[in-house]
Protein backbone atom coordinates (compact mmCIF):
# COMPACT_ATOMS: atom_id res chain seq x y z
CA ALA A 1 25.52 10.51 25.94
CA SER A 2 26.76 13.36 28.00
CA VAL A 3 27.47 16.98 27.20
CA ALA A 4 29.80 19.31 29.07
CA PRO A 5 29.41 23.10 28.91
CA ALA A 6 32.25 25.45 28.06
CA SER A 7 31.28 27.71 30.95
CA THR A 8 29.96 27.13 34.47
CA ASP A 9 26.19 26.94 34.79
CA PRO A 10 24.79 28.45 37.99
CA HIS A 11 21.65 26.23 37.77
CA MET A 12 23.02 22.69 37.50
CA ASP A 13 19.78 21.17 38.83
CA ASP A 14 17.89 21.90 35.59
CA ASN A 15 20.43 20.36 33.21
CA THR A 16 18.91 16.96 32.59
CA ALA A 17 17.11 15.57 29.60
CA THR A 18 15.66 12.19 28.72
CA ASP A 19 15.15 10.72 25.30
CA GLN A 20 13.60 7.33 24.65
CA LYS A 21 14.31 5.49 21.41
CA GLU A 22 12.41 2.50 20.13
CA ILE A 23 14.53 0.09 18.17
CA LEU A 24 12.82 -1.79 15.39
CA ASP A 25 14.39 -5.23 15.21
CA VAL A 26 13.39 -6.51 11.78
CA LYS A 27 15.46 -7.65 8.82
CA ILE A 28 13.95 -6.96 5.42
CA PRO A 29 15.49 -8.78 2.45
CA ASN A 30 16.22 -6.97 -0.80
CA ILE A 31 15.61 -10.07 -2.96
CA PHE A 32 13.48 -13.20 -2.91
CA THR A 33 13.12 -16.04 -5.38
CA PRO A 34 9.61 -17.50 -5.55
CA ASN A 35 10.48 -20.38 -7.88
CA GLY A 36 9.09 -23.28 -5.83
CA ASP A 37 12.45 -24.67 -4.69
CA GLY A 38 11.59 -24.21 -1.01
CA THR A 39 14.19 -21.50 -0.42
CA ASN A 40 13.27 -17.79 -0.30
CA ASP A 41 9.91 -18.51 -1.96
CA ALA A 42 8.14 -15.75 0.00
CA PHE A 43 9.02 -12.21 1.03
CA GLU A 44 10.04 -13.01 4.61
CA ILE A 45 10.64 -10.16 7.01
CA ARG A 46 12.56 -11.60 9.94
CA GLY A 47 11.43 -10.36 13.34
CA LEU A 48 8.02 -9.25 12.06
CA SER A 49 6.25 -11.57 14.52
CA LYS A 50 7.16 -9.07 17.26
CA TYR A 51 4.85 -6.55 15.56
CA ALA A 52 1.47 -8.23 15.14
CA GLU A 53 -0.10 -4.95 14.06
CA ASN A 54 1.52 -4.17 10.74
CA LYS A 55 0.67 -3.32 7.16
CA LEU A 56 2.67 -4.16 4.06
CA THR A 57 2.16 -2.33 0.78
CA ILE A 58 4.02 -3.26 -2.41
CA VAL A 59 4.08 -0.98 -5.45
CA ASN A 60 5.65 -1.36 -8.88
CA ARG A 61 8.07 1.10 -10.42
CA TRP A 62 5.20 3.24 -11.68
CA GLY A 63 3.73 3.54 -8.19
CA ASP A 64 0.80 1.21 -8.82
CA MET A 65 -0.12 -0.87 -5.77
CA VAL A 66 0.30 -4.58 -6.57
CA TYR A 67 -0.11 -6.01 -3.05
CA GLN A 68 -1.36 -4.85 0.32
CA LYS A 69 -2.06 -6.72 3.53
CA ASN A 70 -2.81 -5.78 7.11
CA ASN A 71 -1.08 -8.02 9.66
CA TYR A 72 1.30 -9.44 7.07
CA GLN A 73 2.41 -13.00 7.84
CA ASN A 74 5.47 -13.42 5.54
CA ASP A 75 3.39 -15.10 2.85
CA TRP A 76 3.62 -12.87 -0.24
CA ASP A 77 5.07 -14.90 -3.10
CA GLY A 78 4.92 -12.29 -5.83
CA ASN A 79 1.58 -13.55 -7.12
CA SER A 80 1.80 -13.59 -10.91
CA LEU A 81 4.05 -10.53 -11.08
CA LEU A 82 6.97 -10.33 -13.45
CA ASP A 83 10.54 -10.48 -12.20
CA GLY A 84 11.79 -7.03 -11.30
CA THR A 85 12.20 -4.48 -8.57
CA TYR A 86 9.26 -3.50 -6.40
CA PHE A 87 9.03 -1.01 -3.58
CA TYR A 88 7.60 -1.66 -0.13
CA ILE A 89 6.21 0.34 2.74
CA LEU A 90 6.05 -1.59 5.98
CA GLU A 91 4.13 0.11 8.76
CA VAL A 92 4.39 -1.36 12.26
CA LYS A 93 2.74 -0.35 15.50
CA MET A 94 5.32 0.19 18.22
CA VAL A 95 4.79 -0.65 21.90
CA THR A 96 4.23 3.05 22.61
CA GLY A 97 1.29 3.04 20.18
CA SER A 98 3.08 5.08 17.54
CA THR A 99 3.44 3.82 13.99
CA LYS A 100 6.79 3.52 12.26
CA ALA A 101 7.09 3.22 8.48
CA LEU A 102 10.00 1.49 6.79
CA LYS A 103 10.49 1.96 3.06
CA GLY A 104 12.74 0.23 0.59
CA TYR A 105 12.89 -2.04 -2.42
CA VAL A 106 12.86 -5.75 -3.06
CA THR A 107 13.80 -7.64 -6.20
CA LEU A 108 11.56 -10.49 -7.24
CA ALA A 109 13.66 -13.02 -9.19
CA ARG A 110 12.11 -16.36 -10.09
CA THR A 111 15.06 -17.20 -12.30
CA ILE A 112 18.59 -16.28 -11.31
CA GLN A 113 21.25 -16.62 -13.97
């Protein structure tokens, strides 16, 4: 990006700035169907293998934690939870050492009609 001033700046040598952005390349589904058919049977976050240090927390609609795992490996199948919408917080450690949190929802649907 570049910015141009409306007036002339007498000190052009001090007009630089740098900003570094880390791009988190994961795809988090909003539904999975753990019904044993071999398709979408686990909550699979694509690209998560790039972030070995991570933590996944799942809560129900009342805010009660129903699942939590450090270094999640795409293996949560909903346990014995009822079909419904759950909320996740995925924390990943970036290459700079900072932690980024992604929040959203996922629908668990063993039976789709």
